[in-house]
C-alpha atoms as a PDB file:
ATOM      1  CA  UNK A   1     -93.363  54.957 -74.419  1.00  0.00           C
ATOM      2  CA  UNK A   2     -90.320  53.275 -75.785  1.00  0.00           C
ATOM      3  CA  UNK A   3     -88.114  56.264 -74.483  1.00  0.00           C
ATOM      4  CA  UNK A   4     -89.654  56.154 -70.964  1.00  0.00           C
ATOM      5  CA  UNK A   5     -89.275  52.353 -70.807  1.00  0.00           C
ATOM      6  CA  UNK A   6     -85.412  52.774 -72.040  1.00  0.00           C
ATOM      7  CA  UNK A   7     -84.790  55.502 -69.367  1.00  0.00           C
ATOM      8  CA  UNK A   8     -86.529  53.446 -66.830  1.00  0.00           C
ATOM      9  CA  UNK A   9     -84.045  50.514 -67.653  1.00  0.00           C
ATOM     10  CA  UNK A  10     -81.373  52.658 -67.599  1.00  0.00           C
ATOM     11  CA  UNK A  11     -82.122  54.002 -64.340  1.00  0.00           C
ATOM     12  CA  UNK A  12     -82.644  50.442 -62.872  1.00  0.00           C
ATOM     13  CA  UNK A  13     -79.214  49.517 -64.798  1.00  0.00           C
ATOM     14  CA  UNK A  14     -77.832  52.493 -62.937  1.00  0.00           C
ATOM     15  CA  UNK A  15     -79.302  51.509 -59.445  1.00  0.00           C
ATOM     16  CA  UNK A  16     -77.944  47.869 -60.004  1.00  0.00           C
ATOM     17  CA  UNK A  17     -74.760  49.303 -60.948  1.00  0.00           C
ATOM     18  CA  UNK A  18     -74.832  51.376 -57.833  1.00  0.00           C
ATOM     19  CA  UNK A  19     -76.110  48.613 -55.685  1.00  0.00           C
ATOM     20  CA  UNK A  20     -73.320  46.228 -57.081  1.00  0.00           C
ATOM     21  CA  UNK A  21     -70.626  48.686 -56.376  1.00  0.00           C
ATOM     22  CA  UNK A  22     -72.079  49.333 -52.822  1.00  0.00           C
ATOM     23  CA  UNK A  23     -72.185  45.397 -52.449  1.00  0.00           C
ATOM     24  CA  UNK A  24     -68.705  45.067 -53.756  1.00  0.00           C
ATOM     25  CA  UNK A  25     -67.721  47.880 -51.383  1.00  0.00           C
ATOM     26  CA  UNK A  26     -69.283  46.093 -48.411  1.00  0.00           C
ATOM     27  CA  UNK A  27     -67.602  42.712 -49.689  1.00  0.00           C
ATOM     28  CA  UNK A  28     -64.529  44.573 -49.689  1.00  0.00           C
ATOM     29  CA  UNK A  29     -64.948  46.120 -46.426  1.00  0.00           C
ATOM     30  CA  UNK A  30     -65.793  42.837 -45.130  1.00  0.00           C
ATOM     31  CA  UNK A  31     -62.950  41.075 -46.649  1.00  0.00           C
ATOM     32  CA  UNK A  32     -60.718  43.892 -45.288  1.00  0.00           C
ATOM     33  CA  UNK A  33     -62.302  43.284 -41.987  1.00  0.00           C
ATOM     34  CA  UNK A  34     -61.806  39.735 -42.120  1.00  0.00           C
ATOM     35  CA  UNK A  35     -58.072  40.369 -43.370  1.00  0.00           C
ATOM     36  CA  UNK A  36     -57.477  42.619 -40.565  1.00  0.00           C
ATOM     37  CA  UNK A  37     -58.841  40.117 -37.851  1.00  0.00           C
ATOM     38  CA  UNK A  38     -56.786  37.195 -39.735  1.00  0.00           C
ATOM     39  CA  UNK A  39     -53.894  39.415 -39.251  1.00  0.00           C
ATOM     40  CA  UNK A  40     -54.544  40.227 -35.784  1.00  0.00           C
ATOM     41  CA  UNK A  41     -55.058  36.710 -34.956  1.00  0.00           C
ATOM     42  CA  UNK A  42     -51.979  35.518 -36.975  1.00  0.00           C
ATOM     43  CA  UNK A  43     -49.972  38.303 -35.080  1.00  0.00           C
ATOM     44  CA  UNK A  44     -51.263  37.168 -31.611  1.00  0.00           C
ATOM     45  CA  UNK A  45     -50.656  33.339 -32.684  1.00  0.00           C
ATOM     46  CA  UNK A  46     -47.034  34.606 -33.585  1.00  0.00           C
ATOM     47  CA  UNK A  47     -46.513  36.623 -30.466  1.00  0.00           C
ATOM     48  CA  UNK A  48     -48.027  33.613 -28.461  1.00  0.00           C
ATOM     49  CA  UNK A  49     -45.580  31.139 -30.236  1.00  0.00           C
ATOM     50  CA  UNK A  50     -42.715  33.510 -29.816  1.00  0.00           C
ATOM     51  CA  UNK A  51     -43.565  33.712 -25.881  1.00  0.00           C
ATOM     52  CA  UNK A  52     -43.829  30.058 -25.685  1.00  0.00           C
ATOM     53  CA  UNK A  53     -40.723  29.408 -27.514  1.00  0.00           C
ATOM     54  CA  UNK A  54     -39.231  32.003 -25.121  1.00  0.00           C
ATOM     55  CA  UNK A  55     -40.709  30.623 -22.032  1.00  0.00           C
ATOM     56  CA  UNK A  56     -39.455  27.129 -23.418  1.00  0.00           C
ATOM     57  CA  UNK A  57     -35.866  28.254 -23.942  1.00  0.00           C
ATOM     58  CA  UNK A  58     -35.966  29.720 -20.451  1.00  0.00           C
ATOM     59  CA  UNK A  59     -37.321  26.639 -18.894  1.00  0.00           C
ATOM     60  CA  UNK A  60     -34.692  24.558 -20.792  1.00  0.00           C
ATOM     61  CA  UNK A  61     -31.648  26.772 -19.585  1.00  0.00           C
ATOM     62  CA  UNK A  62     -33.256  26.537 -16.056  1.00  0.00           C
ATOM     63  CA  UNK A  63     -33.403  22.811 -16.091  1.00  0.00           C
ATOM     64  CA  UNK A  64     -29.871  22.323 -17.750  1.00  0.00           C
ATOM     65  CA  UNK A  65     -28.318  24.685 -14.993  1.00  0.00           C
ATOM     66  CA  UNK A  66     -30.047  22.736 -12.182  1.00  0.00           C
ATOM     67  CA  UNK A  67     -29.055  19.402 -13.947  1.00  0.00           C
ATOM     68  CA  UNK A  68     -25.745  20.879 -14.374  1.00  0.00           C
ATOM     69  CA  UNK A  69     -25.486  21.929 -10.830  1.00  0.00           C
ATOM     70  CA  UNK A  70     -26.637  18.358  -9.786  1.00  0.00           C
ATOM     71  CA  UNK A  71     -24.081  16.676 -12.037  1.00  0.00           C
ATOM     72  CA  UNK A  72     -21.238  19.315 -11.981  1.00  0.00           C
ATOM     73  CA  UNK A  73     -21.119  19.799  -8.393  1.00  0.00           C
ATOM     74  CA  UNK A  74     -20.501  16.458  -7.160  1.00  0.00           C
ATOM     75  CA  UNK A  75     -18.079  15.947  -9.646  1.00  0.00           C
ATOM     76  CA  UNK A  76     -16.345  19.415  -8.935  1.00  0.00           C
ATOM     77  CA  UNK A  77     -16.516  18.213  -5.058  1.00  0.00           C
ATOM     78  CA  UNK A  78     -15.050  14.872  -6.059  1.00  0.00           C
ATOM     79  CA  UNK A  79     -12.168  16.649  -7.832  1.00  0.00           C
ATOM     80  CA  UNK A  80     -11.277  18.715  -4.971  1.00  0.00           C
ATOM     81  CA  UNK A  81     -11.608  16.015  -2.572  1.00  0.00           C
ATOM     82  CA  UNK A  82      -9.320  14.111  -4.663  1.00  0.00           C
ATOM     83  CA  UNK A  83      -6.843  16.658  -5.258  1.00  0.00           C
ATOM     84  CA  UNK A  84      -6.588  17.326  -1.506  1.00  0.00           C
ATOM     85  CA  UNK A  85      -6.185  13.639  -0.783  1.00  0.00           C
ATOM     86  CA  UNK A  86      -3.330  13.509  -3.471  1.00  0.00           C
ATOM     87  CA  UNK A  87      -1.618  15.927  -1.081  1.00  0.00           C
ATOM     88  CA  UNK A  88      -2.101  13.834   1.840  1.00  0.00           C
ATOM     89  CA  UNK A  89      -5.237  15.504   3.480  1.00  0.00           C
ATOM     90  CA  UNK A  90      -7.667  12.839   4.392  1.00  0.00           C
ATOM     91  CA  UNK A  91      -9.751  15.219   6.453  1.00  0.00           C
ATOM     92  CA  UNK A  92     -11.868  16.043   3.493  1.00  0.00           C
ATOM     93  CA  UNK A  93     -15.944  15.679   4.112  1.00  0.00           C
ATOM     94  CA  UNK A  94     -17.880  12.926   2.540  1.00  0.00           C
ATOM     95  CA  UNK A  95     -19.431  13.950  -0.828  1.00  0.00           C
ATOM     96  CA  UNK A  96     -23.155  14.636  -0.010  1.00  0.00           C
ATOM     97  CA  UNK A  97     -25.229  12.020  -2.087  1.00  0.00           C
ATOM     98  CA  UNK A  98     -28.788  13.435  -3.328  1.00  0.00           C
ATOM     99  CA  UNK A  99     -29.470  11.115  -6.172  1.00  0.00           C
ATOM    100  CA  UNK A 100     -29.229   7.635  -6.625  1.00  0.00           C
ATOM    101  CA  UNK A 101     -28.358   7.522 -10.200  1.00  0.00           C
ATOM    102  CA  UNK A 102     -24.758   7.194 -11.547  1.00  0.00           C
ATOM    103  CA  UNK A 103     -23.458  10.415 -10.137  1.00  0.00           C
ATOM    104  CA  UNK A 104     -24.699   9.265  -6.827  1.00  0.00           C
ATOM    105  CA  UNK A 105     -23.205   5.909  -7.295  1.00  0.00           C
ATOM    106  CA  UNK A 106     -19.923   7.216  -8.032  1.00  0.00           C
ATOM    107  CA  UNK A 107     -19.806   9.662  -4.942  1.00  0.00           C
ATOM    108  CA  UNK A 108     -20.562   6.741  -2.671  1.00  0.00           C
ATOM    109  CA  UNK A 109     -17.890   4.714  -4.094  1.00  0.00           C
ATOM    110  CA  UNK A 110     -15.417   7.681  -3.748  1.00  0.00           C
ATOM    111  CA  UNK A 111     -16.695   8.184  -0.027  1.00  0.00           C
ATOM    112  CA  UNK A 112     -16.063   4.510   0.689  1.00  0.00           C
ATOM    113  CA  UNK A 113     -12.647   4.736  -1.100  1.00  0.00           C
ATOM    114  CA  UNK A 114     -11.520   7.569   1.048  1.00  0.00           C
ATOM    115  CA  UNK A 115     -12.683   5.688   4.169  1.00  0.00           C
ATOM    116  CA  UNK A 116     -10.817   2.603   3.161  1.00  0.00           C
ATOM    117  CA  UNK A 117      -7.559   4.844   2.388  1.00  0.00           C
ATOM    118  CA  UNK A 118      -7.866   6.439   5.952  1.00  0.00           C
ATOM    119  CA  UNK A 119      -7.928   2.823   7.436  1.00  0.00           C
ATOM    120  CA  UNK A 120      -5.021   1.881   5.260  1.00  0.00           C
ATOM    121  CA  UNK A 121      -2.951   5.081   6.461  1.00  0.00           C
ATOM    122  CA  UNK A 122      -4.049   4.546  10.129  1.00  0.00           C
ATOM    123  CA  UNK A 123      -3.011   0.831   9.854  1.00  0.00           C
ATOM    124  CA  UNK A 124       0.375   1.605   8.349  1.00  0.00           C
ATOM    125  CA  UNK A 125       0.828   4.257  11.275  1.00  0.00           C
ATOM    126  CA  UNK A 126       0.206   1.726  13.644  1.00  0.00           C
ATOM    127  CA  UNK A 127       2.507  -0.704  12.246  1.00  0.00           C
ATOM    128  CA  UNK A 128       5.070   2.141  11.963  1.00  0.00           C
ATOM    129  CA  UNK A 129       4.566   2.652  15.651  1.00  0.00           C
ATOM    130  CA  UNK A 130       5.100  -0.819  16.316  1.00  0.00           C
ATOM    131  CA  UNK A 131       7.980  -1.290  14.088  1.00  0.00           C
ATOM    132  CA  UNK A 132       9.708   1.762  15.928  1.00  0.00           C
ATOM    133  CA  UNK A 133       9.055  -0.014  19.183  1.00  0.00           C
ATOM    134  CA  UNK A 134      10.410  -3.477  17.725  1.00  0.00           C
ATOM    135  CA  UNK A 135      13.396  -1.257  16.179  1.00  0.00           C
ATOM    136  CA  UNK A 136      14.073   0.152  19.735  1.00  0.00           C
ATOM    137  CA  UNK A 137      13.951  -3.282  21.243  1.00  0.00           C
ATOM    138  CA  UNK A 138      16.104  -4.587  18.783  1.00  0.00           C
ATOM    139  CA  UNK A 139      18.458  -1.771  19.241  1.00  0.00           C
ATOM    140  CA  UNK A 140      18.705  -2.333  22.852  1.00  0.00           C
ATOM    141  CA  UNK A 141      18.937  -6.032  22.271  1.00  0.00           C
ATOM    142  CA  UNK A 142      21.651  -5.308  19.981  1.00  0.00           C
ATOM    143  CA  UNK A 143      23.555  -3.418  22.389  1.00  0.00           C
ATOM    144  CA  UNK A 144      23.164  -6.234  25.043  1.00  0.00           C
ATOM    145  CA  UNK A 145      24.430  -8.681  22.408  1.00  0.00           C
ATOM    146  CA  UNK A 146      27.219  -6.434  21.571  1.00  0.00           C
ATOM    147  CA  UNK A 147      28.086  -6.152  25.174  1.00  0.00           C
ATOM    148  CA  UNK A 148      27.843  -9.857  25.641  1.00  0.00           C
ATOM    149  CA  UNK A 149      30.000 -10.461  22.463  1.00  0.00           C
ATOM    150  CA  UNK A 150      32.763  -8.171  23.843  1.00  0.00           C
ATOM    151  CA  UNK A 151      32.622 -10.327  27.333  1.00  0.00           C
ATOM    152  CA  UNK A 152      32.785 -13.458  25.280  1.00  0.00           C
ATOM    153  CA  UNK A 153      35.646 -12.397  23.422  1.00  0.00           C
ATOM    154  CA  UNK A 154      37.547 -11.394  26.463  1.00  0.00           C
ATOM    155  CA  UNK A 155      36.436 -14.835  27.812  1.00  0.00           C
ATOM    156  CA  UNK A 156      37.837 -16.454  24.757  1.00  0.00           C
ATOM    157  CA  UNK A 157      41.180 -14.517  24.818  1.00  0.00           C
ATOM    158  CA  UNK A 158      41.582 -15.548  28.358  1.00  0.00           C
ATOM    159  CA  UNK A 159      40.635 -19.257  27.346  1.00  0.00           C
ATOM    160  CA  UNK A 160      42.977 -18.921  24.475  1.00  0.00           C
ATOM    161  CA  UNK A 161      45.947 -17.441  27.011  1.00  0.00           C
ATOM    162  CA  UNK A 162      45.089 -20.349  29.316  1.00  0.00           C
ATOM    163  CA  UNK A 163      45.145 -22.983  26.427  1.00  0.00           C
ATOM    164  CA  UNK A 164      48.443 -21.749  25.523  1.00  0.00           C
ATOM    165  CA  UNK A 165      49.631 -21.866  28.982  1.00  0.00           C
ATOM    166  CA  UNK A 166      48.022 -25.350  29.362  1.00  0.00           C
ATOM    167  CA  UNK A 167      49.984 -26.264  26.156  1.00  0.00           C
ATOM    168  CA  UNK A 168      53.063 -25.154  27.511  1.00  0.00           C
ATOM    169  CA  UNK A 169      52.788 -26.983  30.741  1.00  0.00           C
ATOM    170  CA  UNK A 170      51.509 -29.919  28.781  1.00  0.00           C
ATOM    171  CA  UNK A 171      54.812 -29.687  26.694  1.00  0.00           C
ATOM    172  CA  UNK A 172      56.673 -29.159  29.883  1.00  0.00           C
ATOM    173  CA  UNK A 173      54.942 -32.183  31.370  1.00  0.00           C
ATOM    174  CA  UNK A 174      55.660 -34.499  28.566  1.00  0.00           C
ATOM    175  CA  UNK A 175      59.000 -33.607  28.627  1.00  0.00           C
ATOM    176  CA  UNK A 176      59.270 -34.258  32.164  1.00  0.00           C
ATOM    177  CA  UNK A 177      57.347 -37.680  31.421  1.00  0.00           C
ATOM    178  CA  UNK A 178      59.828 -38.504  28.824  1.00  0.00           C
ATOM    179  CA  UNK A 179      62.711 -37.691  31.108  1.00  0.00           C
ATOM    180  CA  UNK A 180      61.024 -39.916  33.877  1.00  0.00           C
ATOM    181  CA  UNK A 181      60.343 -42.728  31.330  1.00  0.00           C
ATOM    182  CA  UNK A 182      63.845 -42.626  30.310  1.00  0.00           C
ATOM    183  CA  UNK A 183      64.907 -42.536  34.008  1.00  0.00           C
ATOM    184  CA  UNK A 184      62.624 -45.483  34.853  1.00  0.00           C
ATOM    185  CA  UNK A 185      64.290 -47.345  31.816  1.00  0.00           C
ATOM    186  CA  UNK A 186      67.546 -46.690  33.089  1.00  0.00           C
ATOM    187  CA  UNK A 187      66.711 -47.759  36.516  1.00  0.00           C
ATOM    188  CA  UNK A 188      65.084 -51.036  34.846  1.00  0.00           C
ATOM    189  CA  UNK A 189      68.140 -51.671  33.009  1.00  0.00           C
ATOM    190  CA  UNK A 190      70.481 -50.941  36.174  1.00  0.00           C
ATOM    191  CA  UNK A 191      67.918 -53.179  38.272  1.00  0.00           C
ATOM    192  CA  UNK A 192      68.518 -55.945  35.632  1.00  0.00           C
ATOM    193  CA  UNK A 193      72.042 -55.577  35.689  1.00  0.00           C
ATOM    194  CA  UNK A 194      71.867 -55.709  39.507  1.00  0.00           C
ATOM    195  CA  UNK A 195      69.866 -58.913  39.345  1.00  0.00           C
ATOM    196  CA  UNK A 196      72.116 -60.486  36.783  1.00  0.00           C
ATOM    197  CA  UNK A 197      75.186 -59.359  39.123  1.00  0.00           C
ATOM    198  CA  UNK A 198      73.121 -60.804  42.288  1.00  0.00           C
ATOM    199  CA  UNK A 199      72.564 -64.269  40.295  1.00  0.00           C
ATOM    200  CA  UNK A 200      76.419 -64.386  39.394  1.00  0.00           C
ATOM    201  CA  UNK A 201      77.314 -63.737  42.867  1.00  0.00           C
ATOM    202  CA  UNK A 202      74.804 -66.129  44.314  1.00  0.00           C
ATOM    203  CA  UNK A 203      76.154 -68.645  41.983  1.00  0.00           C
ATOM    204  CA  UNK A 204      79.737 -67.750  42.788  1.00  0.00           C
ATOM    205  CA  UNK A 205      78.717 -68.082  46.436  1.00  0.00           C
ATOM    206  CA  UNK A 206      76.935 -71.318  46.026  1.00  0.00           C
ATOM    207  CA  UNK A 207      80.039 -72.634  44.106  1.00  0.00           C
ATOM    208  CA  UNK A 208      82.344 -71.278  47.070  1.00  0.00           C
ATOM    209  CA  UNK A 209      80.091 -73.189  49.435  1.00  0.00           C
ATOM    210  CA  UNK A 210      80.396 -76.361  47.622  1.00  0.00           C
ATOM    211  CA  UNK A 211      84.205 -75.972  47.349  1.00  0.00           C
ATOM    212  CA  UNK A 212      84.506 -75.385  51.148  1.00  0.00           C
ATOM    213  CA  UNK A 213      82.223 -78.188  51.758  1.00  0.00           C
ATOM    214  CA  UNK A 214      84.545 -80.471  49.384  1.00  0.00           C
ATOM    215  CA  UNK A 215      87.532 -79.128  51.065  1.00  0.00           C
ATOM    216  CA  UNK A 216      86.278 -79.836  54.450  1.00  0.00           C
ATOM    217  CA  UNK A 217      85.253 -83.403  53.489  1.00  0.00           C
ATOM    218  CA  UNK A 218      88.561 -83.969  52.095  1.00  0.00           C
ATOM    219  CA  UNK A 219      90.247 -82.688  55.396  1.00  0.00           C
ATOM    220  CA  UNK A 220      88.196 -85.131  57.376  1.00  0.00           C
END
């Protein structure tokens, strides 16, 4: 009976071992399945993360290109316009303003600067035309003044000649007047001498008359 019991216990032990081995196999299979499922999920998550990262990179590149075009394009346009304006071409179109940020503000200031420069150039051209007209008028006036100066010079020369002739005539007149004065002085002196002689003759005649009267009175 003890042998039978031992055999029974041995059989049960073998069954329990077999069951334990079976359970271990089932457990390992479950663990393997779980591990495979986890690996699949992990791989799926990795692939998802890689795809999301790739999409994020692509989106960032697109956004950077878009922002770059928004920022760089107006700057390139302003650079090209500035180079053309530096060469004297003011017919460049205005920079198109699509944003209200610093780039848009800069484009607006650039357009206003170009417009003011065009106005300044137009004002300079108008002033140049007016200056050219004034220069032509001044040239004509200068020619007239030059002709008038020639006439005045001729008149001054003629006046100088007439003055020289008048001076000569005045000198001759002064000489004639001096000679006339000398003649008048001589005449005055001769008149005084004649008057003196007349007085003396009169006195002599008066003395003679007195003598004759005395002689007559003595005779009668």
